[in-house]
Amino acid sequence: RVRRALLLATDRLSITQAITKAQQKTAYSF
């Protein structure tokens, strides 16, 4: 439950759109 909570609390879309900005795709798989 702790691991799932950390995953779901991570806004990965905002990381690619507002931080990295080099056309990376948000990852929902490995």
PDB file of all heavy atoms in Angstrom:
ATOM      1  N   ARG A   1       0.830  -1.214   0.000  1.00  0.00           N
ATOM      2  CA  ARG A   1       0.000   0.000   0.000  1.00  0.00           C
ATOM      3  C   ARG A   1       0.863   1.262   0.000  1.00  0.00           C
ATOM      4  O   ARG A   1       0.525   2.259  -0.642  1.00  0.00           O
ATOM      5  CB  ARG A   1      -0.935  -0.008   1.212  1.00  0.00           C
ATOM      6  CG  ARG A   1      -2.070  -1.025   1.144  1.00  0.00           C
ATOM      7  CD  ARG A   1      -3.033  -0.828   2.300  1.00  0.00           C
ATOM      8  NE  ARG A   1      -4.189  -1.711   2.209  1.00  0.00           N
ATOM      9  CZ  ARG A   1      -4.239  -2.933   2.713  1.00  0.00           C
ATOM     10  NH1 ARG A   1      -3.173  -3.427   3.357  1.00  0.00           N
ATOM     11  NH2 ARG A   1      -5.334  -3.661   2.601  1.00  0.00           N
ATOM     12  N   VAL A   2       1.977   1.218   0.697  1.00  0.00           N
ATOM     13  CA  VAL A   2       2.884   2.370   0.727  1.00  0.00           C
ATOM     14  C   VAL A   2       3.488   2.597  -0.654  1.00  0.00           C
ATOM     15  O   VAL A   2       3.546   3.735  -1.151  1.00  0.00           O
ATOM     16  CB  VAL A   2       4.000   2.158   1.774  1.00  0.00           C
ATOM     17  CG1 VAL A   2       5.074   3.241   1.640  1.00  0.00           C
ATOM     18  CG2 VAL A   2       3.414   2.172   3.181  1.00  0.00           C
ATOM     19  N   ARG A   3       3.913   1.532  -1.300  1.00  0.00           N
ATOM     20  CA  ARG A   3       4.512   1.663  -2.633  1.00  0.00           C
ATOM     21  C   ARG A   3       3.485   2.200  -3.622  1.00  0.00           C
ATOM     22  O   ARG A   3       3.796   3.083  -4.440  1.00  0.00           O
ATOM     23  CB  ARG A   3       5.062   0.314  -3.116  1.00  0.00           C
ATOM     24  CG  ARG A   3       6.145  -0.275  -2.226  1.00  0.00           C
ATOM     25  CD  ARG A   3       6.943  -1.347  -2.943  1.00  0.00           C
ATOM     26  NE  ARG A   3       6.161  -2.489  -3.396  1.00  0.00           N
ATOM     27  CZ  ARG A   3       5.912  -3.572  -2.670  1.00  0.00           C
ATOM     28  NH1 ARG A   3       6.345  -3.643  -1.408  1.00  0.00           N
ATOM     29  NH2 ARG A   3       5.225  -4.588  -3.175  1.00  0.00           N
ATOM     30  N   ARG A   4       2.267   1.695  -3.555  1.00  0.00           N
ATOM     31  CA  ARG A   4       1.211   2.182  -4.449  1.00  0.00           C
ATOM     32  C   ARG A   4       0.890   3.646  -4.175  1.00  0.00           C
ATOM     33  O   ARG A   4       0.651   4.423  -5.110  1.00  0.00           O
ATOM     34  CB  ARG A   4      -0.055   1.333  -4.277  1.00  0.00           C
ATOM     35  CG  ARG A   4       0.077  -0.121  -4.675  1.00  0.00           C
ATOM     36  CD  ARG A   4       0.211  -0.301  -6.167  1.00  0.00           C
ATOM     37  NE  ARG A   4      -0.949   0.214  -6.893  1.00  0.00           N
ATOM     38  CZ  ARG A   4      -0.981   0.403  -8.193  1.00  0.00           C
ATOM     39  NH1 ARG A   4       0.096   0.156  -8.934  1.00  0.00           N
ATOM     40  NH2 ARG A   4      -2.077   0.865  -8.798  1.00  0.00           N
ATOM     41  N   ALA A   5       0.902   4.032  -2.918  1.00  0.00           N
ATOM     42  CA  ALA A   5       0.622   5.427  -2.567  1.00  0.00           C
ATOM     43  C   ALA A   5       1.671   6.358  -3.171  1.00  0.00           C
ATOM     44  O   ALA A   5       1.345   7.421  -3.713  1.00  0.00           O
ATOM     45  CB  ALA A   5       0.567   5.587  -1.051  1.00  0.00           C
ATOM     46  N   LEU A   6       2.931   5.955  -3.101  1.00  0.00           N
ATOM     47  CA  LEU A   6       4.001   6.789  -3.664  1.00  0.00           C
ATOM     48  C   LEU A   6       3.837   6.922  -5.179  1.00  0.00           C
ATOM     49  O   LEU A   6       4.020   8.011  -5.742  1.00  0.00           O
ATOM     50  CB  LEU A   6       5.363   6.185  -3.337  1.00  0.00           C
ATOM     51  CG  LEU A   6       5.756   6.163  -1.850  1.00  0.00           C
ATOM     52  CD1 LEU A   6       7.083   5.432  -1.669  1.00  0.00           C
ATOM     53  CD2 LEU A   6       5.857   7.581  -1.287  1.00  0.00           C
ATOM     54  N   LEU A   7       3.502   5.811  -5.830  1.00  0.00           N
ATOM     55  CA  LEU A   7       3.285   5.844  -7.279  1.00  0.00           C
ATOM     56  C   LEU A   7       2.156   6.803  -7.645  1.00  0.00           C
ATOM     57  O   LEU A   7       2.318   7.679  -8.512  1.00  0.00           O
ATOM     58  CB  LEU A   7       2.948   4.435  -7.777  1.00  0.00           C
ATOM     59  CG  LEU A   7       2.436   4.333  -9.221  1.00  0.00           C
ATOM     60  CD1 LEU A   7       3.580   4.513 -10.207  1.00  0.00           C
ATOM     61  CD2 LEU A   7       1.731   2.996  -9.464  1.00  0.00           C
ATOM     62  N   LEU A   8       1.009   6.665  -6.973  1.00  0.00           N
ATOM     63  CA  LEU A   8      -0.178   7.439  -7.321  1.00  0.00           C
ATOM     64  C   LEU A   8      -0.061   8.912  -6.923  1.00  0.00           C
ATOM     65  O   LEU A   8      -0.799   9.756  -7.429  1.00  0.00           O
ATOM     66  CB  LEU A   8      -1.416   6.813  -6.672  1.00  0.00           C
ATOM     67  CG  LEU A   8      -1.730   5.374  -7.123  1.00  0.00           C
ATOM     68  CD1 LEU A   8      -2.855   4.775  -6.286  1.00  0.00           C
ATOM     69  CD2 LEU A   8      -2.091   5.344  -8.602  1.00  0.00           C
ATOM     70  N   ALA A   9       0.869   9.209  -6.039  1.00  0.00           N
ATOM     71  CA  ALA A   9       1.066  10.594  -5.605  1.00  0.00           C
ATOM     72  C   ALA A   9       2.114  11.318  -6.437  1.00  0.00           C
ATOM     73  O   ALA A   9       2.446  12.468  -6.156  1.00  0.00           O
ATOM     74  CB  ALA A   9       1.469  10.623  -4.130  1.00  0.00           C
ATOM     75  N   THR A  10       2.629  10.647  -7.469  1.00  0.00           N
ATOM     76  CA  THR A  10       3.666  11.227  -8.321  1.00  0.00           C
ATOM     77  C   THR A  10       3.050  11.720  -9.624  1.00  0.00           C
ATOM     78  O   THR A  10       2.578  10.918 -10.446  1.00  0.00           O
ATOM     79  CB  THR A  10       4.757  10.184  -8.641  1.00  0.00           C
ATOM     80  OG1 THR A  10       5.238   9.605  -7.417  1.00  0.00           O
ATOM     81  CG2 THR A  10       5.917  10.834  -9.377  1.00  0.00           C
ATOM     82  N   ASP A  11       3.027  13.020  -9.801  1.00  0.00           N
ATOM     83  CA  ASP A  11       2.446  13.626 -11.002  1.00  0.00           C
ATOM     84  C   ASP A  11       3.487  13.611 -12.121  1.00  0.00           C
ATOM     85  O   ASP A  11       4.199  14.588 -12.361  1.00  0.00           O
ATOM     86  CB  ASP A  11       1.994  15.056 -10.702  1.00  0.00           C
ATOM     87  CG  ASP A  11       1.219  15.682 -11.861  1.00  0.00           C
ATOM     88  OD1 ASP A  11       1.082  15.011 -12.900  1.00  0.00           O
ATOM     89  OD2 ASP A  11       0.778  16.842 -11.724  1.00  0.00           O
ATOM     90  N   ARG A  12       3.556  12.494 -12.808  1.00  0.00           N
ATOM     91  CA  ARG A  12       4.596  12.321 -13.816  1.00  0.00           C
ATOM     92  C   ARG A  12       4.356  13.152 -15.065  1.00  0.00           C
ATOM     93  O   ARG A  12       5.299  13.562 -15.753  1.00  0.00           O
ATOM     94  CB  ARG A  12       4.702  10.830 -14.167  1.00  0.00           C
ATOM     95  CG  ARG A  12       5.269  10.011 -13.010  1.00  0.00           C
ATOM     96  CD  ARG A  12       4.996   8.534 -13.167  1.00  0.00           C
ATOM     97  NE  ARG A  12       3.628   8.201 -12.770  1.00  0.00           N
ATOM     98  CZ  ARG A  12       3.085   6.995 -12.910  1.00  0.00           C
ATOM     99  NH1 ARG A  12       3.790   6.025 -13.450  1.00  0.00           N
ATOM    100  NH2 ARG A  12       1.847   6.765 -12.512  1.00  0.00           N
ATOM    101  N   LEU A  13       3.089  13.429 -15.377  1.00  0.00           N
ATOM    102  CA  LEU A  13       2.782  14.274 -16.536  1.00  0.00           C
ATOM    103  C   LEU A  13       3.361  15.671 -16.370  1.00  0.00           C
ATOM    104  O   LEU A  13       3.911  16.248 -17.312  1.00  0.00           O
ATOM    105  CB  LEU A  13       1.267  14.344 -16.746  1.00  0.00           C
ATOM    106  CG  LEU A  13       0.790  15.148 -17.968  1.00  0.00           C
ATOM    107  CD1 LEU A  13       1.338  14.537 -19.257  1.00  0.00           C
ATOM    108  CD2 LEU A  13      -0.735  15.208 -18.008  1.00  0.00           C
ATOM    109  N   SER A  14       3.266  16.201 -15.156  1.00  0.00           N
ATOM    110  CA  SER A  14       3.807  17.548 -14.929  1.00  0.00           C
ATOM    111  C   SER A  14       5.329  17.555 -15.016  1.00  0.00           C
ATOM    112  O   SER A  14       5.934  18.578 -15.362  1.00  0.00           O
ATOM    113  CB  SER A  14       3.354  18.083 -13.565  1.00  0.00           C
ATOM    114  OG  SER A  14       4.030  17.431 -12.512  1.00  0.00           O
ATOM    115  N   ILE A  15       5.963  16.418 -14.726  1.00  0.00           N
ATOM    116  CA  ILE A  15       7.427  16.347 -14.829  1.00  0.00           C
ATOM    117  C   ILE A  15       7.866  16.483 -16.280  1.00  0.00           C
ATOM    118  O   ILE A  15       8.790  17.239 -16.601  1.00  0.00           O
ATOM    119  CB  ILE A  15       7.943  15.027 -14.218  1.00  0.00           C
ATOM    120  CG1 ILE A  15       7.756  15.030 -12.697  1.00  0.00           C
ATOM    121  CG2 ILE A  15       9.424  14.822 -14.563  1.00  0.00           C
ATOM    122  CD1 ILE A  15       8.134  13.733 -12.016  1.00  0.00           C
ATOM    123  N   THR A  16       7.177  15.777 -17.188  1.00  0.00           N
ATOM    124  CA  THR A  16       7.568  15.854 -18.596  1.00  0.00           C
ATOM    125  C   THR A  16       7.151  17.173 -19.232  1.00  0.00           C
ATOM    126  O   THR A  16       7.849  17.694 -20.106  1.00  0.00           O
ATOM    127  CB  THR A  16       6.972  14.688 -19.400  1.00  0.00           C
ATOM    128  OG1 THR A  16       5.552  14.673 -19.229  1.00  0.00           O
ATOM    129  CG2 THR A  16       7.550  13.368 -18.927  1.00  0.00           C
ATOM    130  N   GLN A  17       6.026  17.729 -18.789  1.00  0.00           N
ATOM    131  CA  GLN A  17       5.532  18.952 -19.420  1.00  0.00           C
ATOM    132  C   GLN A  17       6.175  20.214 -18.854  1.00  0.00           C
ATOM    133  O   GLN A  17       6.437  21.171 -19.588  1.00  0.00           O
ATOM    134  CB  GLN A  17       4.007  19.039 -19.271  1.00  0.00           C
ATOM    135  CG  GLN A  17       3.255  18.008 -20.108  1.00  0.00           C
ATOM    136  CD  GLN A  17       1.759  18.193 -20.046  1.00  0.00           C
ATOM    137  OE1 GLN A  17       1.220  18.860 -19.154  1.00  0.00           O
ATOM    138  NE2 GLN A  17       1.051  17.599 -20.993  1.00  0.00           N
ATOM    139  N   ALA A  18       6.433  20.229 -17.542  1.00  0.00           N
ATOM    140  CA  ALA A  18       6.895  21.467 -16.912  1.00  0.00           C
ATOM    141  C   ALA A  18       8.373  21.444 -16.527  1.00  0.00           C
ATOM    142  O   ALA A  18       8.945  22.491 -16.230  1.00  0.00           O
ATOM    143  CB  ALA A  18       6.048  21.754 -15.664  1.00  0.00           C
ATOM    144  N   ILE A  19       8.995  20.256 -16.525  1.00  0.00           N
ATOM    145  CA  ILE A  19      10.391  20.188 -16.058  1.00  0.00           C
ATOM    146  C   ILE A  19      11.339  19.744 -17.172  1.00  0.00           C
ATOM    147  O   ILE A  19      12.227  20.491 -17.578  1.00  0.00           O
ATOM    148  CB  ILE A  19      10.517  19.237 -14.848  1.00  0.00           C
ATOM    149  CG1 ILE A  19       9.686  19.774 -13.663  1.00  0.00           C
ATOM    150  CG2 ILE A  19      11.978  19.088 -14.432  1.00  0.00           C
ATOM    151  CD1 ILE A  19       9.687  18.879 -12.451  1.00  0.00           C
ATOM    152  N   THR A  20      11.174  18.535 -17.696  1.00  0.00           N
ATOM    153  CA  THR A  20      12.157  18.013 -18.651  1.00  0.00           C
ATOM    154  C   THR A  20      12.027  18.677 -20.027  1.00  0.00           C
ATOM    155  O   THR A  20      13.032  19.012 -20.651  1.00  0.00           O
ATOM    156  CB  THR A  20      12.035  16.499 -18.788  1.00  0.00           C
ATOM    157  OG1 THR A  20      10.705  16.159 -19.230  1.00  0.00           O
ATOM    158  CG2 THR A  20      12.297  15.817 -17.454  1.00  0.00           C
ATOM    159  N   LYS A  21      10.814  18.787 -20.558  1.00  0.00           N
ATOM    160  CA  LYS A  21      10.506  19.577 -21.752  1.00  0.00           C
ATOM    161  C   LYS A  21      11.314  19.197 -22.989  1.00  0.00           C
ATOM    162  O   LYS A  21      11.567  20.028 -23.848  1.00  0.00           O
ATOM    163  CB  LYS A  21      10.710  21.070 -21.465  1.00  0.00           C
ATOM    164  CG  LYS A  21       9.824  21.631 -20.380  1.00  0.00           C
ATOM    165  CD  LYS A  21      10.082  23.122 -20.191  1.00  0.00           C
ATOM    166  CE  LYS A  21       9.232  23.699 -19.084  1.00  0.00           C
ATOM    167  NZ  LYS A  21       9.486  25.145 -18.891  1.00  0.00           N
ATOM    168  N   ALA A  22      11.741  17.950 -23.090  1.00  0.00           N
ATOM    169  CA  ALA A  22      12.518  17.524 -24.254  1.00  0.00           C
ATOM    170  C   ALA A  22      11.806  16.388 -24.982  1.00  0.00           C
ATOM    171  O   ALA A  22      12.437  15.431 -25.423  1.00  0.00           O
ATOM    172  CB  ALA A  22      13.923  17.114 -23.829  1.00  0.00           C
ATOM    173  N   GLN A  23      10.469  16.506 -25.073  1.00  0.00           N
ATOM    174  CA  GLN A  23       9.645  15.562 -25.830  1.00  0.00           C
ATOM    175  C   GLN A  23       9.599  14.169 -25.217  1.00  0.00           C
ATOM    176  O   GLN A  23       9.217  13.200 -25.876  1.00  0.00           O
ATOM    177  CB  GLN A  23      10.129  15.489 -27.288  1.00  0.00           C
ATOM    178  CG  GLN A  23      10.116  16.841 -27.988  1.00  0.00           C
ATOM    179  CD  GLN A  23      10.791  16.813 -29.344  1.00  0.00           C
ATOM    180  OE1 GLN A  23      10.923  15.762 -29.957  1.00  0.00           O
ATOM    181  NE2 GLN A  23      11.237  17.978 -29.836  1.00  0.00           N
ATOM    182  N   GLN A  24      10.005  14.037 -23.936  1.00  0.00           N
ATOM    183  CA  GLN A  24       9.880  12.742 -23.270  1.00  0.00           C
ATOM    184  C   GLN A  24       8.397  12.385 -23.104  1.00  0.00           C
ATOM    185  O   GLN A  24       7.545  13.280 -22.955  1.00  0.00           O
ATOM    186  CB  GLN A  24      10.547  12.767 -21.891  1.00  0.00           C
ATOM    187  CG  GLN A  24      12.044  12.956 -21.912  1.00  0.00           C
ATOM    188  CD  GLN A  24      12.466  14.398 -21.762  1.00  0.00           C
ATOM    189  OE1 GLN A  24      11.658  15.310 -21.974  1.00  0.00           O
ATOM    190  NE2 GLN A  24      13.719  14.622 -21.397  1.00  0.00           N
ATOM    191  N   LYS A  25       8.101  11.097 -23.104  1.00  0.00           N
ATOM    192  CA  LYS A  25       6.726  10.644 -22.891  1.00  0.00           C
ATOM    193  C   LYS A  25       6.552  10.202 -21.446  1.00  0.00           C
ATOM    194  O   LYS A  25       7.394   9.476 -20.903  1.00  0.00           O
ATOM    195  CB  LYS A  25       6.386   9.489 -23.838  1.00  0.00           C
ATOM    196  CG  LYS A  25       6.271   9.909 -25.290  1.00  0.00           C
ATOM    197  CD  LYS A  25       5.689   8.790 -26.144  1.00  0.00           C
ATOM    198  CE  LYS A  25       5.458   9.262 -27.568  1.00  0.00           C
ATOM    199  NZ  LYS A  25       4.817   8.216 -28.413  1.00  0.00           N
ATOM    200  N   THR A  26       5.472  10.630 -20.827  1.00  0.00           N
ATOM    201  CA  THR A  26       5.161  10.215 -19.465  1.00  0.00           C
ATOM    202  C   THR A  26       5.053   8.692 -19.414  1.00  0.00           C
ATOM    203  O   THR A  26       4.430   8.072 -20.281  1.00  0.00           O
ATOM    204  CB  THR A  26       3.839  10.846 -19.007  1.00  0.00           C
ATOM    205  OG1 THR A  26       3.923  12.267 -19.167  1.00  0.00           O
ATOM    206  CG2 THR A  26       3.562  10.532 -17.554  1.00  0.00           C
ATOM    207  N   ALA A  27       5.667   8.095 -18.408  1.00  0.00           N
ATOM    208  CA  ALA A  27       5.743   6.636 -18.340  1.00  0.00           C
ATOM    209  C   ALA A  27       4.676   6.065 -17.410  1.00  0.00           C
ATOM    210  O   ALA A  27       4.629   6.416 -16.230  1.00  0.00           O
ATOM    211  CB  ALA A  27       7.129   6.195 -17.876  1.00  0.00           C
ATOM    212  N   TYR A  28       3.860   5.178 -17.946  1.00  0.00           N
ATOM    213  CA  TYR A  28       2.905   4.415 -17.145  1.00  0.00           C
ATOM    214  C   TYR A  28       3.218   2.920 -17.256  1.00  0.00           C
ATOM    215  O   TYR A  28       2.438   2.084 -16.828  1.00  0.00           O
ATOM    216  CB  TYR A  28       1.479   4.716 -17.589  1.00  0.00           C
ATOM    217  CG  TYR A  28       1.112   6.171 -17.430  1.00  0.00           C
ATOM    218  CD1 TYR A  28       0.970   6.995 -18.537  1.00  0.00           C
ATOM    219  CD2 TYR A  28       0.963   6.729 -16.164  1.00  0.00           C
ATOM    220  CE1 TYR A  28       0.659   8.337 -18.387  1.00  0.00           C
ATOM    221  CE2 TYR A  28       0.649   8.075 -16.005  1.00  0.00           C
ATOM    222  CZ  TYR A  28       0.504   8.869 -17.122  1.00  0.00           C
ATOM    223  OH  TYR A  28       0.206  10.206 -16.971  1.00  0.00           O
ATOM    224  N   SER A  29       4.350   2.614 -17.861  1.00  0.00           N
ATOM    225  CA  SER A  29       4.827   1.239 -17.976  1.00  0.00           C
ATOM    226  C   SER A  29       6.340   1.293 -17.905  1.00  0.00           C
ATOM    227  O   SER A  29       6.942   2.362 -17.998  1.00  0.00           O
ATOM    228  CB  SER A  29       4.375   0.615 -19.298  1.00  0.00           C
ATOM    229  OG  SER A  29       4.921   1.355 -20.392  1.00  0.00           O
ATOM    230  N   PHE A  30       6.979   0.147 -17.725  1.00  0.00           N
ATOM    231  CA  PHE A  30       8.436   0.100 -17.722  1.00  0.00           C
ATOM    232  C   PHE A  30       8.959   0.032 -19.154  1.00  0.00           C
ATOM    233  O   PHE A  30       9.888   0.729 -19.537  1.00  0.00           O
ATOM    234  CB  PHE A  30       8.904  -1.119 -16.922  1.00  0.00           C
ATOM    235  CG  PHE A  30      10.398  -1.184 -16.734  1.00  0.00           C
ATOM    236  CD1 PHE A  30      11.166  -0.038 -16.576  1.00  0.00           C
ATOM    237  CD2 PHE A  30      11.044  -2.414 -16.699  1.00  0.00           C
ATOM    238  CE1 PHE A  30      12.544  -0.104 -16.396  1.00  0.00           C
ATOM    239  CE2 PHE A  30      12.422  -2.498 -16.514  1.00  0.00           C
ATOM    240  CZ  PHE A  30      13.167  -1.329 -16.372  1.00  0.00           C
TER     241      PHE A  30
END
